């Protein structure tokens, strides 16, 4: 790639190496926001699902039909997977090779 200057903002793109490095930096920023979002959404899902399951298990007045049991299990599993995914993204982002 040749040296080009943009007339609007006067930035210079030196080579493909700088472009790939900026892409990597952009990916790290997106991963940070994505892992935070996974934690923010996953923790309430997990808490709601576990609350529903424990309420059904200990007979605390929560209805126990099949659809609600399956829904509570799904919410719990989705919350757990979101938390594990967020942790995995966070860990791989901070591992130094």
Protein backbone atom coordinates (compact mmCIF):
# COMPACT_ATOMS: atom_id res chain seq x y z
CA UNK A 1 0.00 0.00 0.00
CA UNK A 2 1.35 3.38 -0.93
CA UNK A 3 1.59 6.39 1.31
CA UNK A 4 -1.64 8.36 1.11
CA UNK A 5 -2.81 11.48 2.86
CA UNK A 6 -6.43 12.18 3.55
CA UNK A 7 -7.35 15.79 2.88
CA UNK A 8 -10.10 15.93 5.53
CA UNK A 9 -8.16 14.96 8.66
CA UNK A 10 -4.50 14.93 7.48
CA UNK A 11 -3.77 11.41 8.71
CA UNK A 12 -1.19 9.33 6.93
CA UNK A 13 -1.58 5.60 6.40
CA UNK A 14 1.99 4.31 6.28
CA UNK A 15 1.56 0.65 5.34
CA UNK A 16 -0.56 -2.47 5.73
CA UNK A 17 1.25 -3.23 9.00
CA UNK A 18 -0.24 -0.16 10.65
CA UNK A 19 -3.68 -1.02 9.31
CA UNK A 20 -3.55 -4.52 10.78
CA UNK A 21 -2.31 -3.16 14.10
CA UNK A 22 -5.20 -0.71 14.27
CA UNK A 23 -7.58 -3.58 13.48
CA UNK A 24 -6.14 -5.58 16.38
CA UNK A 25 -6.55 -2.62 18.72
CA UNK A 26 -10.15 -2.17 17.58
CA UNK A 27 -10.83 -5.86 18.22
CA UNK A 28 -9.43 -5.56 21.74
CA UNK A 29 -11.75 -2.64 22.48
CA UNK A 30 -14.76 -4.55 21.14
CA UNK A 31 -13.78 -7.64 23.18
CA UNK A 32 -13.57 -5.56 26.35
CA UNK A 33 -17.08 -4.17 25.82
CA UNK A 34 -18.42 -7.60 24.82
CA UNK A 35 -17.03 -9.32 27.92
CA UNK A 36 -18.47 -6.60 30.16
CA UNK A 37 -21.85 -6.97 28.44
CA UNK A 38 -21.78 -10.73 28.93
CA UNK A 39 -21.21 -10.28 32.66
CA UNK A 40 -23.90 -7.59 32.96
CA UNK A 41 -26.51 -9.74 31.21
CA UNK A 42 -25.36 -13.16 32.46
CA UNK A 43 -25.35 -12.51 36.20
CA UNK A 44 -29.07 -11.52 36.42
CA UNK A 45 -30.04 -14.45 34.19
CA UNK A 46 -28.16 -16.85 36.45
CA UNK A 47 -29.63 -15.35 39.64
CA UNK A 48 -33.21 -15.41 38.31
CA UNK A 49 -32.86 -18.99 37.08
CA UNK A 50 -31.31 -20.26 40.31
CA UNK A 51 -33.95 -18.44 42.38
CA UNK A 52 -36.73 -20.07 40.37
CA UNK A 53 -35.15 -23.53 40.65
CA UNK A 54 -34.54 -23.25 44.40
CA UNK A 55 -38.07 -21.92 44.95
CA UNK A 56 -39.49 -24.93 43.11
CA UNK A 57 -37.17 -27.35 44.89
CA UNK A 58 -37.97 -26.14 48.40
CA UNK A 59 -41.69 -25.52 47.64
CA UNK A 60 -41.68 -21.78 48.39
CA UNK A 61 -44.85 -21.06 46.42
CA UNK A 62 -43.35 -20.94 42.94
CA UNK A 63 -45.52 -22.80 40.38
CA UNK A 64 -44.01 -26.10 39.24
CA UNK A 65 -45.39 -27.00 35.85
CA UNK A 66 -43.19 -28.40 33.11
CA UNK A 67 -42.95 -25.20 31.05
CA UNK A 68 -41.73 -23.14 34.01
CA UNK A 69 -39.18 -25.79 34.99
CA UNK A 70 -37.79 -25.90 31.45
CA UNK A 71 -37.78 -22.08 31.29
CA UNK A 72 -35.93 -21.81 34.61
CA UNK A 73 -33.35 -24.34 33.44
CA UNK A 74 -32.89 -22.47 30.16
CA UNK A 75 -32.47 -19.11 31.90
CA UNK A 76 -29.93 -20.64 34.28
CA UNK A 77 -27.95 -22.26 31.46
CA UNK A 78 -28.02 -19.08 29.34
CA UNK A 79 -26.78 -17.03 32.30
CA UNK A 80 -24.03 -19.52 33.04
CA UNK A 81 -22.91 -19.61 29.40
CA UNK A 82 -22.86 -15.81 29.19
CA UNK A 83 -20.73 -15.58 32.32
CA UNK A 84 -18.34 -18.27 31.09
CA UNK A 85 -18.12 -16.59 27.67
CA UNK A 86 -17.42 -13.20 29.22
CA UNK A 87 -14.74 -14.68 31.44
CA UNK A 88 -13.17 -16.51 28.52
CA UNK A 89 -13.04 -13.34 26.41
CA UNK A 90 -11.63 -11.36 29.34
CA UNK A 91 -8.99 -14.00 30.12
CA UNK A 92 -7.78 -14.41 26.54
CA UNK A 93 -7.62 -10.63 26.13
CA UNK A 94 -5.31 -10.29 29.14
CA UNK A 95 -3.07 -13.31 28.55
CA UNK A 96 0.43 -12.27 27.50
CA UNK A 97 2.14 -14.50 24.96
